[in-house]
Amino acid sequence: MYAELIDPDLPGYRLASAPAGTLPGIFSNAWLQAAGQAGTFPTFTCDTATATEAGAGNGREITIDAVAYIIRESQPRDGGGVTFILEVA
């Protein structure tokens, strides 16, 4: 069901390269500033089942817009989705 919500016309839509395939989702790399520190906070939201099939999960690497990221945390979303918290590899 969540896969149906990931539409190519949405802002931030990207195809990520994962260990076992391509993973459609929504990429965000927002600039945040708090407690005297600042930086980007990259996240990627996608369908849980599709992510599993593509081999994406904690500690695995995905590539978005020619930049490699390591998945540091997985946060489940309502409706069968997951948001990955990313770190530049």
N, C-alpha and C. Protein backbone atom coordinates (compact mmCIF):
# COMPACT_ATOMS: atom_id res chain seq x y z
N MET A 1 0.81 -1.19 0.00
CA MET A 1 0.00 0.00 0.00
C MET A 1 0.86 1.26 0.00
N TYR A 2 1.90 1.30 0.82
CA TYR A 2 2.74 2.49 0.90
C TYR A 2 3.43 2.76 -0.43
N ALA A 3 3.75 1.71 -1.17
CA ALA A 3 4.42 1.88 -2.46
C ALA A 3 3.57 2.71 -3.41
N GLU A 4 2.26 2.62 -3.31
CA GLU A 4 1.36 3.37 -4.17
C GLU A 4 1.43 4.87 -3.89
N LEU A 5 1.88 5.25 -2.69
CA LEU A 5 1.95 6.66 -2.32
C LEU A 5 3.24 7.32 -2.80
N ILE A 6 4.23 6.52 -3.18
CA ILE A 6 5.50 7.06 -3.66
C ILE A 6 5.34 7.34 -5.15
N ASP A 7 5.02 8.58 -5.47
CA ASP A 7 4.70 8.98 -6.83
C ASP A 7 5.86 9.77 -7.45
N PRO A 8 6.24 9.48 -8.69
CA PRO A 8 7.34 10.20 -9.33
C PRO A 8 7.12 11.71 -9.44
N ASP A 9 5.88 12.17 -9.31
CA ASP A 9 5.60 13.60 -9.40
C ASP A 9 5.78 14.33 -8.06
N LEU A 10 6.04 13.60 -6.99
CA LEU A 10 6.22 14.23 -5.68
C LEU A 10 7.58 14.92 -5.59
N PRO A 11 7.63 16.07 -4.91
CA PRO A 11 8.94 16.71 -4.69
C PRO A 11 9.84 15.77 -3.89
N GLY A 12 11.09 15.68 -4.29
CA GLY A 12 12.04 14.83 -3.59
C GLY A 12 12.08 13.39 -4.07
N TYR A 13 11.23 13.05 -5.06
CA TYR A 13 11.21 11.66 -5.57
C TYR A 13 12.57 11.32 -6.16
N ARG A 14 13.10 10.17 -5.75
CA ARG A 14 14.38 9.68 -6.28
C ARG A 14 14.32 8.16 -6.41
N LEU A 15 15.16 7.63 -7.27
CA LEU A 15 15.40 6.20 -7.34
C LEU A 15 16.76 5.95 -6.72
N ALA A 16 16.78 5.21 -5.62
CA ALA A 16 18.03 4.90 -4.94
C ALA A 16 18.54 3.55 -5.44
N SER A 17 19.84 3.42 -5.55
CA SER A 17 20.45 2.13 -5.87
C SER A 17 20.76 1.44 -4.55
N ALA A 18 20.19 0.27 -4.37
CA ALA A 18 20.37 -0.52 -3.15
C ALA A 18 21.14 -1.79 -3.51
N PRO A 19 21.59 -2.56 -2.51
CA PRO A 19 22.40 -3.76 -2.80
C PRO A 19 21.75 -4.76 -3.76
N ALA A 20 20.42 -4.90 -3.72
CA ALA A 20 19.78 -5.91 -4.57
C ALA A 20 18.79 -5.32 -5.57
N GLY A 21 18.88 -4.01 -5.84
CA GLY A 21 17.97 -3.44 -6.82
C GLY A 21 17.76 -1.95 -6.64
N THR A 22 16.76 -1.45 -7.36
CA THR A 22 16.42 -0.04 -7.33
C THR A 22 15.27 0.19 -6.37
N LEU A 23 15.34 1.29 -5.64
CA LEU A 23 14.37 1.58 -4.59
C LEU A 23 13.78 2.98 -4.79
N PRO A 24 12.48 3.08 -5.17
CA PRO A 24 11.85 4.39 -5.31
C PRO A 24 11.48 4.95 -3.94
N GLY A 25 11.64 6.26 -3.78
CA GLY A 25 11.28 6.87 -2.50
C GLY A 25 11.39 8.38 -2.55
N ILE A 26 11.25 8.98 -1.38
CA ILE A 26 11.31 10.43 -1.22
C ILE A 26 12.56 10.77 -0.42
N PHE A 27 13.43 11.57 -1.03
CA PHE A 27 14.70 11.95 -0.42
C PHE A 27 14.60 13.38 0.11
N SER A 28 15.13 13.59 1.30
CA SER A 28 15.20 14.93 1.88
C SER A 28 16.60 15.10 2.48
N ASN A 29 17.16 16.28 2.30
CA ASN A 29 18.48 16.57 2.85
C ASN A 29 18.43 17.96 3.47
N ALA A 30 17.55 18.12 4.44
CA ALA A 30 17.29 19.42 5.05
C ALA A 30 18.47 19.92 5.88
N TRP A 31 18.62 21.24 5.90
CA TRP A 31 19.63 21.90 6.73
C TRP A 31 19.00 22.15 8.10
N LEU A 32 19.66 21.68 9.16
CA LEU A 32 19.15 21.86 10.51
C LEU A 32 20.20 22.54 11.37
N GLN A 33 19.71 23.32 12.33
CA GLN A 33 20.60 23.99 13.27
C GLN A 33 19.97 23.90 14.66
N ALA A 34 20.72 23.34 15.61
CA ALA A 34 20.23 23.20 16.98
C ALA A 34 21.41 23.03 17.93
N ALA A 35 21.26 23.53 19.13
CA ALA A 35 22.26 23.37 20.19
C ALA A 35 23.67 23.75 19.73
N GLY A 36 23.75 24.82 18.94
CA GLY A 36 25.05 25.31 18.50
C GLY A 36 25.70 24.51 17.39
N GLN A 37 25.00 23.53 16.85
CA GLN A 37 25.54 22.74 15.74
C GLN A 37 24.60 22.86 14.54
N ALA A 38 25.17 22.69 13.37
CA ALA A 38 24.37 22.78 12.15
C ALA A 38 24.89 21.78 11.13
N GLY A 39 24.01 21.35 10.25
CA GLY A 39 24.39 20.43 9.19
C GLY A 39 23.17 19.90 8.47
N THR A 40 23.41 19.05 7.51
CA THR A 40 22.30 18.44 6.78
C THR A 40 21.84 17.17 7.49
N PHE A 41 20.60 16.80 7.23
CA PHE A 41 19.98 15.63 7.86
C PHE A 41 19.32 14.82 6.75
N PRO A 42 20.10 13.98 6.04
CA PRO A 42 19.52 13.23 4.92
C PRO A 42 18.63 12.08 5.38
N THR A 43 17.45 11.99 4.77
CA THR A 43 16.52 10.89 5.03
C THR A 43 15.96 10.38 3.70
N PHE A 44 15.51 9.14 3.71
CA PHE A 44 14.90 8.53 2.53
C PHE A 44 13.69 7.72 3.00
N THR A 45 12.51 8.06 2.50
CA THR A 45 11.27 7.38 2.89
C THR A 45 10.79 6.52 1.74
N CYS A 46 10.46 5.26 2.04
CA CYS A 46 10.06 4.32 1.00
C CYS A 46 9.15 3.25 1.59
N ASP A 47 8.72 2.34 0.75
CA ASP A 47 7.89 1.20 1.15
C ASP A 47 8.77 0.14 1.83
N THR A 48 8.32 -0.36 2.97
CA THR A 48 9.10 -1.35 3.73
C THR A 48 9.36 -2.62 2.93
N ALA A 49 8.33 -3.15 2.29
CA ALA A 49 8.48 -4.41 1.54
C ALA A 49 9.45 -4.22 0.37
N THR A 50 9.34 -3.09 -0.33
CA THR A 50 10.23 -2.82 -1.45
C THR A 50 11.67 -2.67 -0.97
N ALA A 51 11.85 -2.01 0.18
CA ALA A 51 13.19 -1.84 0.75
C ALA A 51 13.80 -3.19 1.09
N THR A 52 13.01 -4.07 1.67
CA THR A 52 13.49 -5.41 2.03
C THR A 52 13.92 -6.17 0.78
N GLU A 53 13.09 -6.13 -0.27
CA GLU A 53 13.41 -6.81 -1.52
C GLU A 53 14.69 -6.25 -2.16
N ALA A 54 14.92 -4.94 -1.99
CA ALA A 54 16.10 -4.30 -2.59
C ALA A 54 17.35 -4.44 -1.71
N GLY A 55 17.19 -5.06 -0.55
CA GLY A 55 18.34 -5.30 0.33
C GLY A 55 18.75 -4.08 1.14
N ALA A 56 17.85 -3.12 1.32
CA ALA A 56 18.15 -1.92 2.09
C ALA A 56 17.77 -2.12 3.55
N GLY A 57 18.65 -1.74 4.45
CA GLY A 57 18.38 -1.85 5.89
C GLY A 57 19.55 -1.27 6.67
N ASN A 58 19.43 -1.26 7.97
CA ASN A 58 20.46 -0.68 8.83
C ASN A 58 21.85 -1.23 8.49
N GLY A 59 22.81 -0.31 8.36
CA GLY A 59 24.18 -0.68 8.07
C GLY A 59 24.47 -0.90 6.59
N ARG A 60 23.44 -0.94 5.77
CA ARG A 60 23.62 -1.16 4.33
C ARG A 60 23.83 0.18 3.62
N GLU A 61 24.36 0.12 2.43
CA GLU A 61 24.64 1.33 1.66
C GLU A 61 23.64 1.48 0.52
N ILE A 62 23.16 2.71 0.33
CA ILE A 62 22.34 3.04 -0.84
C ILE A 62 22.95 4.27 -1.50
N THR A 63 22.70 4.43 -2.79
CA THR A 63 23.22 5.56 -3.53
C THR A 63 22.06 6.37 -4.08
N ILE A 64 22.10 7.69 -3.81
CA ILE A 64 21.08 8.61 -4.28
C ILE A 64 21.78 9.78 -4.94
N ASP A 65 21.41 10.10 -6.17
CA ASP A 65 22.03 11.21 -6.91
C ASP A 65 23.56 11.10 -6.91
N ALA A 66 24.08 9.92 -7.14
CA ALA A 66 25.52 9.64 -7.23
C ALA A 66 26.27 9.85 -5.91
N VAL A 67 25.55 9.93 -4.79
CA VAL A 67 26.17 10.04 -3.46
C VAL A 67 25.84 8.77 -2.68
N ALA A 68 26.86 8.14 -2.12
CA ALA A 68 26.67 6.93 -1.32
C ALA A 68 26.34 7.31 0.12
N TYR A 69 25.31 6.65 0.66
CA TYR A 69 24.89 6.86 2.04
C TYR A 69 24.83 5.52 2.76
N ILE A 70 25.10 5.54 4.05
CA ILE A 70 24.92 4.37 4.90
C ILE A 70 23.64 4.58 5.69
N ILE A 71 22.80 3.55 5.74
CA ILE A 71 21.57 3.63 6.53
C ILE A 71 21.93 3.43 7.99
N ARG A 72 21.74 4.47 8.80
CA ARG A 72 22.11 4.42 10.21
C ARG A 72 20.94 4.05 11.12
N GLU A 73 19.71 4.33 10.68
CA GLU A 73 18.54 4.03 11.51
C GLU A 73 17.33 3.87 10.61
N SER A 74 16.42 3.00 11.02
CA SER A 74 15.16 2.80 10.31
C SER A 74 14.01 3.18 11.23
N GLN A 75 13.13 4.06 10.75
CA GLN A 75 11.99 4.49 11.53
C GLN A 75 10.72 4.08 10.79
N PRO A 76 9.95 3.13 11.35
CA PRO A 76 8.71 2.68 10.70
C PRO A 76 7.71 3.82 10.55
N ARG A 77 6.94 3.79 9.48
CA ARG A 77 5.89 4.77 9.21
C ARG A 77 4.55 4.04 9.17
N ASP A 78 3.50 4.76 9.47
CA ASP A 78 2.16 4.17 9.35
C ASP A 78 1.90 3.77 7.91
N GLY A 79 1.20 2.67 7.70
CA GLY A 79 0.82 2.25 6.37
C GLY A 79 1.84 1.40 5.64
N GLY A 80 2.91 0.97 6.31
CA GLY A 80 3.86 0.06 5.67
C GLY A 80 5.09 0.71 5.10
N GLY A 81 5.38 1.94 5.52
CA GLY A 81 6.56 2.61 5.02
C GLY A 81 7.67 2.66 6.06
N VAL A 82 8.82 3.14 5.64
CA VAL A 82 9.97 3.28 6.54
C VAL A 82 10.75 4.53 6.11
N THR A 83 11.26 5.26 7.11
CA THR A 83 12.17 6.36 6.83
C THR A 83 13.55 5.94 7.31
N PHE A 84 14.51 6.00 6.40
CA PHE A 84 15.90 5.70 6.73
C PHE A 84 16.61 6.99 7.07
N ILE A 85 17.32 7.00 8.20
CA ILE A 85 18.20 8.11 8.56
C ILE A 85 19.56 7.76 7.96
N LEU A 86 20.10 8.67 7.16
CA LEU A 86 21.29 8.37 6.37
C LEU A 86 22.52 9.16 6.84
N GLU A 87 23.67 8.62 6.50
CA GLU A 87 24.95 9.30 6.72
C GLU A 87 25.77 9.13 5.45
N VAL A 88 26.43 10.19 5.02
CA VAL A 88 27.27 10.10 3.81
C VAL A 88 28.37 9.07 4.07
N ALA A 89 28.53 8.15 3.13
CA ALA A 89 29.52 7.07 3.29
C ALA A 89 30.93 7.58 3.09
